C-alpha atoms as a PDB file:
ATOM      1  CA  MET A   1      11.360   8.781  11.028  1.00  0.00           C
ATOM      2  CA  SER A   2      10.123  11.568   8.775  1.00  0.00           C
ATOM      3  CA  SER A   3       6.494  12.215   7.936  1.00  0.00           C
ATOM      4  CA  LEU A   4       5.001   9.890   5.319  1.00  0.00           C
ATOM      5  CA  ILE A   5       2.864  10.252   2.238  1.00  0.00           C
ATOM      6  CA  LEU A   6       0.888   7.679   0.302  1.00  0.00           C
ATOM      7  CA  ARG A   7       0.673   8.421  -3.401  1.00  0.00           C
ATOM      8  CA  ALA A   8      -0.865   6.490  -6.259  1.00  0.00           C
ATOM      9  CA  THR A   9       1.467   3.799  -7.537  1.00  0.00           C
ATOM     10  CA  THR A  10       2.387   4.298 -11.195  1.00  0.00           C
ATOM     11  CA  PRO A  11       3.585   1.779 -13.789  1.00  0.00           C
ATOM     12  CA  ASP A  12       7.091   3.176 -13.237  1.00  0.00           C
ATOM     13  CA  ASP A  13       6.923   1.961  -9.607  1.00  0.00           C
ATOM     14  CA  LEU A  14       6.088  -1.646 -10.437  1.00  0.00           C
ATOM     15  CA  ALA A  15       9.657  -2.954 -10.736  1.00  0.00           C
ATOM     16  CA  TYR A  16      10.265  -1.628  -7.214  1.00  0.00           C
ATOM     17  CA  VAL A  17       6.976  -3.150  -5.956  1.00  0.00           C
ATOM     18  CA  VAL A  18       7.658  -6.595  -7.430  1.00  0.00           C
ATOM     19  CA  ASN A  19      11.245  -6.603  -6.131  1.00  0.00           C
ATOM     20  CA  ALA A  20      10.056  -5.500  -2.673  1.00  0.00           C
ATOM     21  CA  GLU A  21       7.585  -8.342  -2.278  1.00  0.00           C
ATOM     22  CA  ARG A  22      10.021 -10.914  -3.690  1.00  0.00           C
ATOM     23  CA  SER A  23      12.852  -9.908  -1.366  1.00  0.00           C
ATOM     24  CA  PRO A  24      13.816 -12.568   1.203  1.00  0.00           C
ATOM     25  CA  GLU A  25      12.690 -10.347   4.074  1.00  0.00           C
ATOM     26  CA  ASN A  26       9.146  -9.980   2.666  1.00  0.00           C
ATOM     27  CA  ARG A  27       8.235 -12.922   0.425  1.00  0.00           C
ATOM     28  CA  ASP A  28       7.249 -15.251   3.269  1.00  0.00           C
ATOM     29  CA  PHE A  29       4.704 -12.720   4.543  1.00  0.00           C
ATOM     30  CA  VAL A  30       2.856 -11.601   1.390  1.00  0.00           C
ATOM     31  CA  SER A  31       1.386 -13.261  -1.662  1.00  0.00           C
ATOM     32  CA  VAL A  32       3.788 -12.606  -4.494  1.00  0.00           C
ATOM     33  CA  TRP A  33       2.061 -11.115  -7.510  1.00  0.00           C
ATOM     34  CA  SER A  34       3.319 -10.878 -11.050  1.00  0.00           C
ATOM     35  CA  ASN A  35       3.924  -7.537 -12.707  1.00  0.00           C
ATOM     36  CA  ALA A  36       0.730  -8.134 -14.710  1.00  0.00           C
ATOM     37  CA  GLN A  37      -1.321  -8.613 -11.517  1.00  0.00           C
ATOM     38  CA  HIS A  38      -0.021  -5.317 -10.147  1.00  0.00           C
ATOM     39  CA  GLN A  39      -0.760  -3.608 -13.485  1.00  0.00           C
ATOM     40  CA  HIS A  40      -4.323  -4.901 -13.290  1.00  0.00           C
ATOM     41  CA  ALA A  41      -4.629  -3.575  -9.713  1.00  0.00           C
ATOM     42  CA  LEU A  42      -3.589  -0.112 -10.914  1.00  0.00           C
ATOM     43  CA  ARG A  43      -6.591  -0.088 -13.272  1.00  0.00           C
ATOM     44  CA  ASP A  44      -9.121  -1.809 -10.997  1.00  0.00           C
ATOM     45  CA  PRO A  45     -11.649   0.697  -9.584  1.00  0.00           C
ATOM     46  CA  ASP A  46     -12.091  -1.540  -6.520  1.00  0.00           C
ATOM     47  CA  ILE A  47      -8.388  -1.294  -5.582  1.00  0.00           C
ATOM     48  CA  ARG A  48      -6.164   1.544  -4.436  1.00  0.00           C
ATOM     49  CA  HIS A  49      -2.470   0.713  -5.013  1.00  0.00           C
ATOM     50  CA  LEU A  50      -0.298   3.221  -3.140  1.00  0.00           C
ATOM     51  CA  THR A  51       3.415   3.878  -2.798  1.00  0.00           C
ATOM     52  CA  LEU A  52       4.868   4.985   0.516  1.00  0.00           C
ATOM     53  CA  GLU A  53       7.414   7.821   0.505  1.00  0.00           C
ATOM     54  CA  PRO A  54       8.879  10.301   2.984  1.00  0.00           C
ATOM     55  CA  SER A  55       7.083  13.647   2.769  1.00  0.00           C
ATOM     56  CA  THR A  56      10.456  15.332   2.314  1.00  0.00           C
ATOM     57  CA  GLY A  57      11.041  13.389  -0.906  1.00  0.00           C
ATOM     58  CA  GLY A  58      13.519  10.637  -1.511  1.00  0.00           C
ATOM     59  CA  ASP A  59      13.445   6.900  -1.990  1.00  0.00           C
ATOM     60  CA  ARG A  60      10.298   4.819  -1.846  1.00  0.00           C
ATOM     61  CA  LEU A  61       9.779   3.100   1.501  1.00  0.00           C
ATOM     62  CA  GLY A  62       7.150   0.520   0.590  1.00  0.00           C
ATOM     63  CA  TYR A  63       3.671   0.123  -0.798  1.00  0.00           C
ATOM     64  CA  VAL A  64       0.089  -0.533   0.273  1.00  0.00           C
ATOM     65  CA  ILE A  65      -2.872  -2.182  -1.431  1.00  0.00           C
ATOM     66  CA  LEU A  66      -6.418  -1.374  -0.325  1.00  0.00           C
ATOM     67  CA  ALA A  67      -9.541  -3.032  -1.736  1.00  0.00           C
ATOM     68  CA  GLY A  68     -13.301  -2.820  -1.439  1.00  0.00           C
ATOM     69  CA  LEU A  69     -13.597   0.710  -2.766  1.00  0.00           C
ATOM     70  CA  ALA A  70     -16.244  -0.080  -5.382  1.00  0.00           C
ATOM     71  CA  ALA A  71     -18.555  -1.959  -3.014  1.00  0.00           C
ATOM     72  CA  GLN A  72     -19.383   1.178  -0.997  1.00  0.00           C
ATOM     73  CA  THR A  73     -20.091  -0.932   2.086  1.00  0.00           C
ATOM     74  CA  GLY A  74     -18.061   1.277   4.396  1.00  0.00           C
ATOM     75  CA  VAL A  75     -15.444  -1.465   4.800  1.00  0.00           C
ATOM     76  CA  ILE A  76     -12.044  -0.865   3.237  1.00  0.00           C
ATOM     77  CA  GLU A  77      -9.893  -3.986   3.064  1.00  0.00           C
ATOM     78  CA  PHE A  78      -6.268  -3.457   4.055  1.00  0.00           C
ATOM     79  CA  ARG A  79      -4.977  -6.084   1.658  1.00  0.00           C
ATOM     80  CA  ARG A  80      -1.212  -5.571   1.766  1.00  0.00           C
ATOM     81  CA  LEU A  81       1.547  -3.551   3.363  1.00  0.00           C
ATOM     82  CA  VAL A  82       5.183  -4.034   2.380  1.00  0.00           C
ATOM     83  CA  VAL A  83       7.833  -1.823   3.952  1.00  0.00           C
ATOM     84  CA  THR A  84      11.362  -1.991   2.601  1.00  0.00           C
ATOM     85  CA  ALA A  85      12.923   0.433   5.101  1.00  0.00           C
ATOM     86  CA  LYS A  86      12.720  -1.866   8.107  1.00  0.00           C
ATOM     87  CA  GLY A  87      13.200  -0.997  11.774  1.00  0.00           C
ATOM     88  CA  GLN A  88      12.559   2.721  11.395  1.00  0.00           C
ATOM     89  CA  GLY A  89       8.889   2.964  12.342  1.00  0.00           C
ATOM     90  CA  TYR A  90       7.590   3.264   8.789  1.00  0.00           C
ATOM     91  CA  GLY A  91       5.248   0.282   9.146  1.00  0.00           C
ATOM     92  CA  HIS A  92       3.501   1.863  12.126  1.00  0.00           C
ATOM     93  CA  GLY A  93       3.393   5.231  10.381  1.00  0.00           C
ATOM     94  CA  SER A  94       1.993   3.610   7.249  1.00  0.00           C
ATOM     95  CA  VAL A  95      -0.870   2.019   9.156  1.00  0.00           C
ATOM     96  CA  ARG A  96      -1.770   5.414  10.607  1.00  0.00           C
ATOM     97  CA  ARG A  97      -1.732   7.021   7.153  1.00  0.00           C
ATOM     98  CA  VAL A  98      -3.905   4.195   5.751  1.00  0.00           C
ATOM     99  CA  GLN A  99      -6.397   4.647   8.596  1.00  0.00           C
ATOM    100  CA  ASP A 100      -6.556   8.388   7.937  1.00  0.00           C
ATOM    101  CA  LEU A 101      -7.095   7.799   4.222  1.00  0.00           C
ATOM    102  CA  ALA A 102      -9.722   5.084   4.724  1.00  0.00           C
ATOM    103  CA  PHE A 103     -11.818   6.947   7.282  1.00  0.00           C
ATOM    104  CA  GLU A 104     -11.369  10.545   6.169  1.00  0.00           C
ATOM    105  CA  SER A 105     -11.216  10.241   2.378  1.00  0.00           C
ATOM    106  CA  LEU A 106     -12.646   6.876   1.345  1.00  0.00           C
ATOM    107  CA  GLY A 107     -15.709   6.802   3.610  1.00  0.00           C
ATOM    108  CA  ALA A 108     -14.805   3.720   5.618  1.00  0.00           C
ATOM    109  CA  HIS A 109     -16.824   2.965   8.737  1.00  0.00           C
ATOM    110  CA  ARG A 110     -14.568   0.109   9.756  1.00  0.00           C
ATOM    111  CA  PRO A 111     -11.412  -1.526   8.418  1.00  0.00           C
ATOM    112  CA  GLY A 112     -11.235  -4.968   6.906  1.00  0.00           C
ATOM    113  CA  TRP A 113      -7.923  -6.702   7.513  1.00  0.00           C
ATOM    114  CA  MET A 114      -6.456  -9.431   5.354  1.00  0.00           C
END
């Protein structure tokens, strides 16, 4: 497994995001949103919608949705994690990157898990 980055999801990523959560290997484990719901999340100041990629570049590996940013309570809700590159340790690596982001950059004092 290569090193991972989380970058802001863009409208160009949404077809990938929607297909990832609707795939048979993921749809039973996440709430399936419409493209419009994801578009709204991209604009919502309370939500951080992130795309997971290898730091060396290449194909997207999944996406993450965090919430609770606007409340400034010190609790960042880990709303969703979808990994499309299964069995390669990217899920574990993604959780570590989300923890780093939440505690070091977003001012979280504790995580909130959905």
